[in-house]
Each structure stands twice: as structure tokens, then as C-alpha cells.
Amino acid sequence: MIILDSNAFIYLANGTLDRKIISNEDISHASITKIESLGFSRIYANELLLLEILFSESYNLPLTDDIVERAVKLRQVKGMSLGDAIIAATALEHDYELWTANEADFAHIDGLRLRNPLKP
């Protein structure tokens, strides 16, 4: 199982990433990822439709007390955005690899497995 960052969902919807890249993967998302991705104000209607399909095919990993505690600790160590802290904490809590194009935002987190889907 992998967990996708918001940018990975957006890149899948707008064609920057080929959907074949996830065809053999079980994908999941943190609750905040759906909010970030679908809540983007300048999203095109066709991308919104594709995002809704991707989210319906993805496992939702709800925010739990354990994830909240991890996110708090991550934010205390380094001034991360709330969304990134929740996404990283969710990946750590479930021991899933996080796919993100923003590796630098997460590189400082011990034990977090990262993959940039834009890199071969």
C-alpha cells in the first residue's frame, strides 16, 4: 500500500503523471489530502471529475488520535504545514510509502519512506 500526497493526485488528474504508474498499486490518502486536492479554487471541471474518481478508488485513512499526536510532534520539530504534517504522520502510522513530488518537504522525517513519482 502507498499513500499519495495531494500533488500526486493532482498530477494524475491533469495528465502530468500517467495513471499506469499506480495501476499495480493499492493507493490510499490522508483525509486532508482530499480537502487540499478537491478544494483547489482553480481546478478544471475535467480534472475535478478525475480527482473524484481517483479518490473513490483510493482508501481513505481517517484522522485518528495517534495520527494527531504524530503530526503535533512533527510540527514541533520543524515548522511544517499542517497538511504535510498530517500526511506524513498518516504515512508513518500505517507504515506506507509516501509518493510526493515535494520530497524536500518531508526529507527530514526519520523513518518516512518517500518516492517521487516524477522521477524514473
Protein backbone atom coordinates (compact mmCIF):
# COMPACT_ATOMS: atom_id res chain seq x y z
CA MET A 1 0.00 0.00 0.00
CA ILE A 2 1.16 3.51 -0.80
CA ILE A 3 -0.15 6.89 0.28
CA LEU A 4 -0.33 9.72 -2.25
CA ASP A 5 0.36 13.34 -1.45
CA SER A 6 -2.01 15.97 -2.84
CA ASN A 7 0.36 16.84 -5.67
CA ALA A 8 0.44 13.22 -6.84
CA PHE A 9 -3.36 13.17 -7.09
CA ILE A 10 -3.35 16.47 -8.96
CA TYR A 11 -0.63 15.29 -11.36
CA LEU A 12 -2.61 12.11 -12.06
CA ALA A 13 -5.73 14.17 -12.78
CA ASN A 14 -4.05 16.74 -15.03
CA GLY A 15 -2.01 14.21 -17.01
CA THR A 16 1.44 15.13 -15.68
CA LEU A 17 1.58 11.58 -14.33
CA ASP A 18 0.31 8.62 -16.33
CA ARG A 19 -2.32 6.66 -14.37
CA LYS A 20 -0.45 3.50 -15.36
CA ILE A 21 2.08 4.37 -12.66
CA ILE A 22 -0.47 3.37 -10.00
CA SER A 23 -2.11 0.52 -11.90
CA ASN A 24 -0.36 -2.16 -9.82
CA GLU A 25 -0.56 -0.28 -6.53
CA ASP A 26 -3.10 -0.13 -3.76
CA ILE A 27 -3.41 3.58 -3.15
CA SER A 28 -4.55 5.47 -0.09
CA HIS A 29 -4.83 9.06 1.09
CA ALA A 30 -4.97 11.05 4.28
CA SER A 31 -8.26 12.84 4.86
CA ILE A 32 -6.62 16.24 4.43
CA THR A 33 -5.30 15.22 1.00
CA LYS A 34 -8.84 15.08 -0.32
CA ILE A 35 -9.57 18.51 1.13
CA GLU A 36 -6.40 20.01 -0.38
CA SER A 37 -6.88 18.43 -3.79
CA LEU A 38 -10.61 18.92 -4.33
CA GLY A 39 -10.62 22.30 -2.61
CA PHE A 40 -8.23 23.93 -5.08
CA SER A 41 -10.05 27.01 -6.39
CA ARG A 42 -8.68 27.00 -9.96
CA ILE A 43 -9.34 23.36 -10.81
CA TYR A 44 -10.77 22.49 -14.21
CA ALA A 45 -14.02 20.53 -14.34
CA ASN A 46 -12.45 17.54 -16.11
CA GLU A 47 -9.64 17.39 -13.51
CA LEU A 48 -12.20 17.59 -10.70
CA LEU A 49 -14.06 14.64 -12.19
CA LEU A 50 -10.84 12.61 -12.47
CA LEU A 51 -9.87 13.51 -8.91
CA GLU A 52 -13.25 12.36 -7.63
CA ILE A 53 -12.76 9.04 -9.44
CA LEU A 54 -9.23 8.65 -8.04
CA PHE A 55 -10.41 9.36 -4.51
CA SER A 56 -13.29 6.90 -4.87
CA GLU A 57 -10.74 4.23 -5.88
CA SER A 58 -8.37 5.14 -3.04
CA TYR A 59 -8.51 4.04 0.59
CA ASN A 60 -9.34 6.91 2.93
CA LEU A 61 -7.16 6.86 6.03
CA PRO A 62 -9.12 8.85 8.61
CA LEU A 63 -7.53 11.18 11.12
CA THR A 64 -7.05 9.34 14.41
CA ASP A 65 -5.73 10.44 17.80
CA ASP A 66 -2.42 8.64 17.10
CA ILE A 67 -2.02 10.49 13.79
CA VAL A 68 -2.82 13.79 15.51
CA GLU A 69 -0.12 13.13 18.13
CA ARG A 70 2.46 12.29 15.46
CA ALA A 71 1.54 15.39 13.45
CA VAL A 72 1.92 17.58 16.54
CA LYS A 73 5.40 16.18 17.17
CA LEU A 74 6.40 16.67 13.53
CA ARG A 75 5.30 20.30 13.65
CA GLN A 76 7.17 20.86 16.92
CA VAL A 77 10.43 19.54 15.42
CA LYS A 78 10.20 21.54 12.22
CA GLY A 79 7.73 24.19 11.13
CA MET A 80 5.83 22.02 8.67
CA SER A 81 2.49 22.97 7.21
CA LEU A 82 -0.48 21.35 8.89
CA GLY A 83 -1.34 19.39 5.76
CA ASP A 84 2.18 17.99 5.30
CA ALA A 85 2.40 17.06 8.98
CA ILE A 86 -0.90 15.14 8.82
CA ILE A 87 0.04 13.40 5.57
CA ALA A 88 3.48 12.39 6.92
CA ALA A 89 2.01 11.27 10.25
CA THR A 90 -0.59 9.18 8.42
CA ALA A 91 2.09 7.51 6.29
CA LEU A 92 4.19 6.78 9.37
CA GLU A 93 1.26 5.48 11.40
CA HIS A 94 0.33 2.99 8.67
CA ASP A 95 3.93 2.35 7.56
CA TYR A 96 3.10 3.22 3.96
CA GLU A 97 5.44 4.71 1.39
CA LEU A 98 4.58 8.34 0.63
CA TRP A 99 4.57 9.35 -3.04
CA THR A 100 5.17 13.07 -3.41
CA ALA A 101 6.79 15.47 -5.83
CA ASN A 102 7.78 17.61 -2.85
CA GLU A 103 10.45 15.38 -1.34
CA ALA A 104 12.21 18.29 0.33
CA ASP A 105 9.14 18.97 2.49
CA PHE A 106 9.42 15.50 4.02
CA ALA A 107 13.12 14.57 3.75
CA HIS A 108 13.89 15.45 7.37
CA ILE A 109 11.46 12.89 8.81
CA ASP A 110 13.15 9.78 10.17
CA GLY A 111 11.53 6.51 9.15
CA LEU A 112 9.34 8.02 6.42
CA ARG A 113 9.72 6.19 3.13
CA LEU A 114 9.48 8.55 0.16
CA ARG A 115 9.18 8.17 -3.59
CA ASN A 116 8.94 10.93 -6.14
CA PRO A 117 6.65 9.61 -8.90
CA LEU A 118 8.01 12.24 -11.30
CA LYS A 119 11.45 10.67 -11.17
CA PRO A 120 12.14 7.45 -13.07
